[in-house]
């Protein structure tokens, strides 16, 4: 369990460092710029994957006989705070489908967007991976724009 959380925290720190390098790059076509931009996406994906593994492990532990009594509550609390982690992870793992606007071979009906200063009528754009500040967003298999905040706040446990 600690490894998943540690991986998410390390990915979040590396994401912030790479994001700072990206924002400070002067030449939009330089090698440093391209590398910094790819690092931002790479660390954000790792953050999402680690969180997804953390949630799955919490859920698995909930069913164990000797599990702490409040682990189910903690799992639900985390899923409530980060509700789109599974949808985001699914889209990241199946980008080849999303590139075609599909989920399991069926066309996705892209939903309108009204967040992050984006507003679309009817359908919206297909977002394969984008940032809105520290929020990592993609179009999910159900056609909605989903996001996870790549920040320390996402990792903090509230009681």
C-alpha atoms as a PDB file:
ATOM      1  CA  UNK A   1       0.000   0.000   0.000  1.00  0.00           C
ATOM      2  CA  UNK A   2       2.735   2.423   0.937  1.00  0.00           C
ATOM      3  CA  UNK A   3       4.486   1.886  -2.387  1.00  0.00           C
ATOM      4  CA  UNK A   4       1.426   3.009  -4.375  1.00  0.00           C
ATOM      5  CA  UNK A   5       1.052   6.110  -2.271  1.00  0.00           C
ATOM      6  CA  UNK A   6       4.797   6.790  -2.398  1.00  0.00           C
ATOM      7  CA  UNK A   7       4.777   6.362  -6.183  1.00  0.00           C
ATOM      8  CA  UNK A   8       1.913   8.833  -6.467  1.00  0.00           C
ATOM      9  CA  UNK A   9       3.701  11.348  -4.239  1.00  0.00           C
ATOM     10  CA  UNK A  10       6.983  11.017  -6.137  1.00  0.00           C
ATOM     11  CA  UNK A  11       5.161  11.330  -9.470  1.00  0.00           C
ATOM     12  CA  UNK A  12       3.405  14.452  -8.169  1.00  0.00           C
ATOM     13  CA  UNK A  13       6.715  16.053  -7.101  1.00  0.00           C
ATOM     14  CA  UNK A  14       8.380  15.149 -10.411  1.00  0.00           C
ATOM     15  CA  UNK A  15       5.323  16.455 -12.266  1.00  0.00           C
ATOM     16  CA  UNK A  16       5.633  19.841 -10.523  1.00  0.00           C
ATOM     17  CA  UNK A  17       9.370  20.012 -11.266  1.00  0.00           C
ATOM     18  CA  UNK A  18       8.874  19.098 -14.928  1.00  0.00           C
ATOM     19  CA  UNK A  19       5.976  21.532 -15.219  1.00  0.00           C
ATOM     20  CA  UNK A  20       8.177  24.331 -13.835  1.00  0.00           C
ATOM     21  CA  UNK A  21      10.920  23.462 -16.354  1.00  0.00           C
ATOM     22  CA  UNK A  22       8.368  23.429 -19.150  1.00  0.00           C
ATOM     23  CA  UNK A  23       6.960  26.816 -18.182  1.00  0.00           C
ATOM     24  CA  UNK A  24      10.439  28.354 -17.957  1.00  0.00           C
ATOM     25  CA  UNK A  25      11.651  27.074 -21.348  1.00  0.00           C
ATOM     26  CA  UNK A  26      12.398  29.973 -23.698  1.00  0.00           C
ATOM     27  CA  UNK A  27      12.546  28.275 -27.071  1.00  0.00           C
ATOM     28  CA  UNK A  28       9.268  26.549 -27.948  1.00  0.00           C
ATOM     29  CA  UNK A  29      11.080  24.200 -30.357  1.00  0.00           C
ATOM     30  CA  UNK A  30      14.085  23.317 -28.246  1.00  0.00           C
ATOM     31  CA  UNK A  31      14.951  19.835 -27.085  1.00  0.00           C
ATOM     32  CA  UNK A  32      14.582  20.956 -23.466  1.00  0.00           C
ATOM     33  CA  UNK A  33      11.073  22.205 -24.130  1.00  0.00           C
ATOM     34  CA  UNK A  34       9.948  18.964 -25.793  1.00  0.00           C
ATOM     35  CA  UNK A  35      11.517  16.845 -23.072  1.00  0.00           C
ATOM     36  CA  UNK A  36      10.000  18.900 -20.268  1.00  0.00           C
ATOM     37  CA  UNK A  37       6.567  18.669 -21.877  1.00  0.00           C
ATOM     38  CA  UNK A  38       6.775  14.881 -22.238  1.00  0.00           C
ATOM     39  CA  UNK A  39       7.980  14.565 -18.641  1.00  0.00           C
ATOM     40  CA  UNK A  40       4.920  16.466 -17.426  1.00  0.00           C
ATOM     41  CA  UNK A  41       2.612  13.982 -19.149  1.00  0.00           C
ATOM     42  CA  UNK A  42       4.691  10.968 -18.115  1.00  0.00           C
ATOM     43  CA  UNK A  43       4.660  11.887 -14.422  1.00  0.00           C
ATOM     44  CA  UNK A  44       0.976  12.767 -14.522  1.00  0.00           C
ATOM     45  CA  UNK A  45       0.170   9.337 -15.992  1.00  0.00           C
ATOM     46  CA  UNK A  46       2.279   7.638 -13.320  1.00  0.00           C
ATOM     47  CA  UNK A  47       0.440   9.645 -10.643  1.00  0.00           C
ATOM     48  CA  UNK A  48      -2.928   8.464 -12.008  1.00  0.00           C
ATOM     49  CA  UNK A  49      -1.776   4.843 -12.332  1.00  0.00           C
ATOM     50  CA  UNK A  50      -0.426   4.827  -8.762  1.00  0.00           C
ATOM     51  CA  UNK A  51      -3.667   6.298  -7.405  1.00  0.00           C
ATOM     52  CA  UNK A  52      -5.700   3.720  -9.306  1.00  0.00           C
ATOM     53  CA  UNK A  53      -3.578   0.903  -7.838  1.00  0.00           C
ATOM     54  CA  UNK A  54      -3.944   2.434  -4.377  1.00  0.00           C
ATOM     55  CA  UNK A  55      -7.750   2.511  -4.690  1.00  0.00           C
ATOM     56  CA  UNK A  56      -7.847  -1.072  -5.972  1.00  0.00           C
ATOM     57  CA  UNK A  57      -5.663  -2.281  -3.112  1.00  0.00           C
ATOM     58  CA  UNK A  58      -7.848  -0.474  -0.554  1.00  0.00           C
ATOM     59  CA  UNK A  59     -10.931  -2.120  -2.042  1.00  0.00           C
ATOM     60  CA  UNK A  60      -9.252  -5.537  -1.997  1.00  0.00           C
ATOM     61  CA  UNK A  61      -8.257  -5.100   1.626  1.00  0.00           C
ATOM     62  CA  UNK A  62     -11.807  -4.110   2.570  1.00  0.00           C
ATOM     63  CA  UNK A  63     -12.924  -7.682   1.963  1.00  0.00           C
ATOM     64  CA  UNK A  64     -10.249  -9.263   4.129  1.00  0.00           C
ATOM     65  CA  UNK A  65     -11.266 -10.810   7.405  1.00  0.00           C
ATOM     66  CA  UNK A  66      -8.635  -9.047   9.521  1.00  0.00           C
ATOM     67  CA  UNK A  67      -8.876  -5.661   7.770  1.00  0.00           C
ATOM     68  CA  UNK A  68      -9.123  -2.557   9.977  1.00  0.00           C
ATOM     69  CA  UNK A  69     -12.758  -1.700  10.588  1.00  0.00           C
ATOM     70  CA  UNK A  70     -12.549   1.736   8.984  1.00  0.00           C
ATOM     71  CA  UNK A  71     -10.725   0.717   5.790  1.00  0.00           C
ATOM     72  CA  UNK A  72     -13.974   0.530   3.803  1.00  0.00           C
ATOM     73  CA  UNK A  73     -14.818   4.048   4.923  1.00  0.00           C
ATOM     74  CA  UNK A  74     -11.362   5.259   3.863  1.00  0.00           C
ATOM     75  CA  UNK A  75     -11.717   3.593   0.455  1.00  0.00           C
ATOM     76  CA  UNK A  76     -15.085   5.274  -0.111  1.00  0.00           C
ATOM     77  CA  UNK A  77     -13.747   8.611   1.144  1.00  0.00           C
ATOM     78  CA  UNK A  78     -10.862   8.449  -1.317  1.00  0.00           C
ATOM     79  CA  UNK A  79     -13.105   7.437  -4.228  1.00  0.00           C
ATOM     80  CA  UNK A  80     -15.438  10.331  -3.373  1.00  0.00           C
ATOM     81  CA  UNK A  81     -12.556  12.812  -3.336  1.00  0.00           C
ATOM     82  CA  UNK A  82     -11.016  11.493  -6.571  1.00  0.00           C
ATOM     83  CA  UNK A  83     -14.039  10.058  -8.405  1.00  0.00           C
ATOM     84  CA  UNK A  84     -12.603  10.054 -11.929  1.00  0.00           C
ATOM     85  CA  UNK A  85      -9.328   8.242 -11.307  1.00  0.00           C
ATOM     86  CA  UNK A  86     -10.606   4.961 -12.797  1.00  0.00           C
ATOM     87  CA  UNK A  87     -12.177   6.626 -15.854  1.00  0.00           C
ATOM     88  CA  UNK A  88      -8.998   8.622 -16.453  1.00  0.00           C
ATOM     89  CA  UNK A  89      -6.786   5.560 -16.033  1.00  0.00           C
ATOM     90  CA  UNK A  90      -8.979   3.555 -18.407  1.00  0.00           C
ATOM     91  CA  UNK A  91      -8.679   6.214 -21.108  1.00  0.00           C
ATOM     92  CA  UNK A  92      -4.917   6.481 -20.635  1.00  0.00           C
ATOM     93  CA  UNK A  93      -4.557   2.707 -20.955  1.00  0.00           C
ATOM     94  CA  UNK A  94      -6.754   2.606 -24.057  1.00  0.00           C
ATOM     95  CA  UNK A  95      -5.600   5.669 -25.978  1.00  0.00           C
ATOM     96  CA  UNK A  96      -5.662   3.708 -29.229  1.00  0.00           C
ATOM     97  CA  UNK A  97      -9.433   3.366 -28.769  1.00  0.00           C
ATOM     98  CA  UNK A  98      -9.849   7.004 -27.755  1.00  0.00           C
ATOM     99  CA  UNK A  99      -7.903   8.119 -30.840  1.00  0.00           C
ATOM    100  CA  UNK A 100     -10.652   6.466 -32.879  1.00  0.00           C
ATOM    101  CA  UNK A 101     -13.359   7.930 -30.614  1.00  0.00           C
ATOM    102  CA  UNK A 102     -14.290   4.447 -29.420  1.00  0.00           C
ATOM    103  CA  UNK A 103     -14.700   2.324 -26.327  1.00  0.00           C
ATOM    104  CA  UNK A 104     -14.505  -1.430 -26.913  1.00  0.00           C
ATOM    105  CA  UNK A 105     -15.206  -0.962 -30.626  1.00  0.00           C
ATOM    106  CA  UNK A 106     -18.263   1.257 -30.165  1.00  0.00           C
ATOM    107  CA  UNK A 107     -18.336   4.954 -31.004  1.00  0.00           C
ATOM    108  CA  UNK A 108     -18.253   7.324 -28.043  1.00  0.00           C
ATOM    109  CA  UNK A 109     -20.868  10.062 -27.967  1.00  0.00           C
ATOM    110  CA  UNK A 110     -18.780  13.068 -26.957  1.00  0.00           C
ATOM    111  CA  UNK A 111     -20.554  15.086 -24.278  1.00  0.00           C
ATOM    112  CA  UNK A 112     -20.646  18.889 -24.117  1.00  0.00           C
ATOM    113  CA  UNK A 113     -18.006  20.526 -21.924  1.00  0.00           C
ATOM    114  CA  UNK A 114     -18.622  23.286 -19.423  1.00  0.00           C
ATOM    115  CA  UNK A 115     -15.519  23.474 -17.236  1.00  0.00           C
ATOM    116  CA  UNK A 116     -12.018  24.940 -17.262  1.00  0.00           C
ATOM    117  CA  UNK A 117     -13.268  27.960 -19.209  1.00  0.00           C
ATOM    118  CA  UNK A 118     -14.351  25.635 -22.018  1.00  0.00           C
ATOM    119  CA  UNK A 119     -17.934  25.589 -23.117  1.00  0.00           C
ATOM    120  CA  UNK A 120     -19.182  23.550 -26.047  1.00  0.00           C
ATOM    121  CA  UNK A 121     -22.688  23.056 -27.349  1.00  0.00           C
ATOM    122  CA  UNK A 122     -23.802  19.646 -28.578  1.00  0.00           C
ATOM    123  CA  UNK A 123     -20.712  17.478 -28.701  1.00  0.00           C
ATOM    124  CA  UNK A 124     -17.309  18.564 -27.539  1.00  0.00           C
ATOM    125  CA  UNK A 125     -13.761  17.962 -28.657  1.00  0.00           C
ATOM    126  CA  UNK A 126     -12.118  14.605 -28.128  1.00  0.00           C
ATOM    127  CA  UNK A 127      -9.466  15.302 -25.475  1.00  0.00           C
ATOM    128  CA  UNK A 128      -6.720  12.680 -25.495  1.00  0.00           C
ATOM    129  CA  UNK A 129      -4.649  14.255 -22.736  1.00  0.00           C
ATOM    130  CA  UNK A 130      -4.531  17.844 -21.693  1.00  0.00           C
ATOM    131  CA  UNK A 131      -3.793  20.030 -18.700  1.00  0.00           C
ATOM    132  CA  UNK A 132      -5.880  22.752 -17.185  1.00  0.00           C
ATOM    133  CA  UNK A 133      -3.483  24.064 -14.563  1.00  0.00           C
ATOM    134  CA  UNK A 134      -2.564  20.972 -12.549  1.00  0.00           C
ATOM    135  CA  UNK A 135      -5.697  19.101 -13.642  1.00  0.00           C
ATOM    136  CA  UNK A 136      -4.953  16.246 -16.037  1.00  0.00           C
ATOM    137  CA  UNK A 137      -7.958  15.694 -18.311  1.00  0.00           C
ATOM    138  CA  UNK A 138      -9.096  13.242 -20.985  1.00  0.00           C
ATOM    139  CA  UNK A 139     -12.305  12.221 -22.695  1.00  0.00           C
ATOM    140  CA  UNK A 140     -13.521   9.115 -20.886  1.00  0.00           C
ATOM    141  CA  UNK A 141     -15.174   6.077 -22.433  1.00  0.00           C
ATOM    142  CA  UNK A 142     -18.580   7.534 -21.603  1.00  0.00           C
ATOM    143  CA  UNK A 143     -17.816  10.707 -23.586  1.00  0.00           C
ATOM    144  CA  UNK A 144     -17.384  13.016 -20.587  1.00  0.00           C
ATOM    145  CA  UNK A 145     -14.309  15.143 -19.942  1.00  0.00           C
ATOM    146  CA  UNK A 146     -12.816  13.759 -16.715  1.00  0.00           C
ATOM    147  CA  UNK A 147      -9.848  14.975 -14.707  1.00  0.00           C
ATOM    148  CA  UNK A 148      -7.640  14.350 -11.702  1.00  0.00           C
ATOM    149  CA  UNK A 149      -5.719  17.110  -9.960  1.00  0.00           C
ATOM    150  CA  UNK A 150      -2.014  16.232  -9.941  1.00  0.00           C
ATOM    151  CA  UNK A 151      -1.331  17.847  -6.593  1.00  0.00           C
ATOM    152  CA  UNK A 152      -0.471  17.167  -2.993  1.00  0.00           C
ATOM    153  CA  UNK A 153      -4.078  18.030  -2.098  1.00  0.00           C
ATOM    154  CA  UNK A 154      -5.231  14.918  -3.975  1.00  0.00           C
ATOM    155  CA  UNK A 155      -2.993  12.771  -1.786  1.00  0.00           C
ATOM    156  CA  UNK A 156      -3.959  14.310   1.534  1.00  0.00           C
ATOM    157  CA  UNK A 157      -6.260  12.239   3.665  1.00  0.00           C
ATOM    158  CA  UNK A 158      -9.075  14.175   5.278  1.00  0.00           C
ATOM    159  CA  UNK A 159     -10.658  13.054   8.516  1.00  0.00           C
END
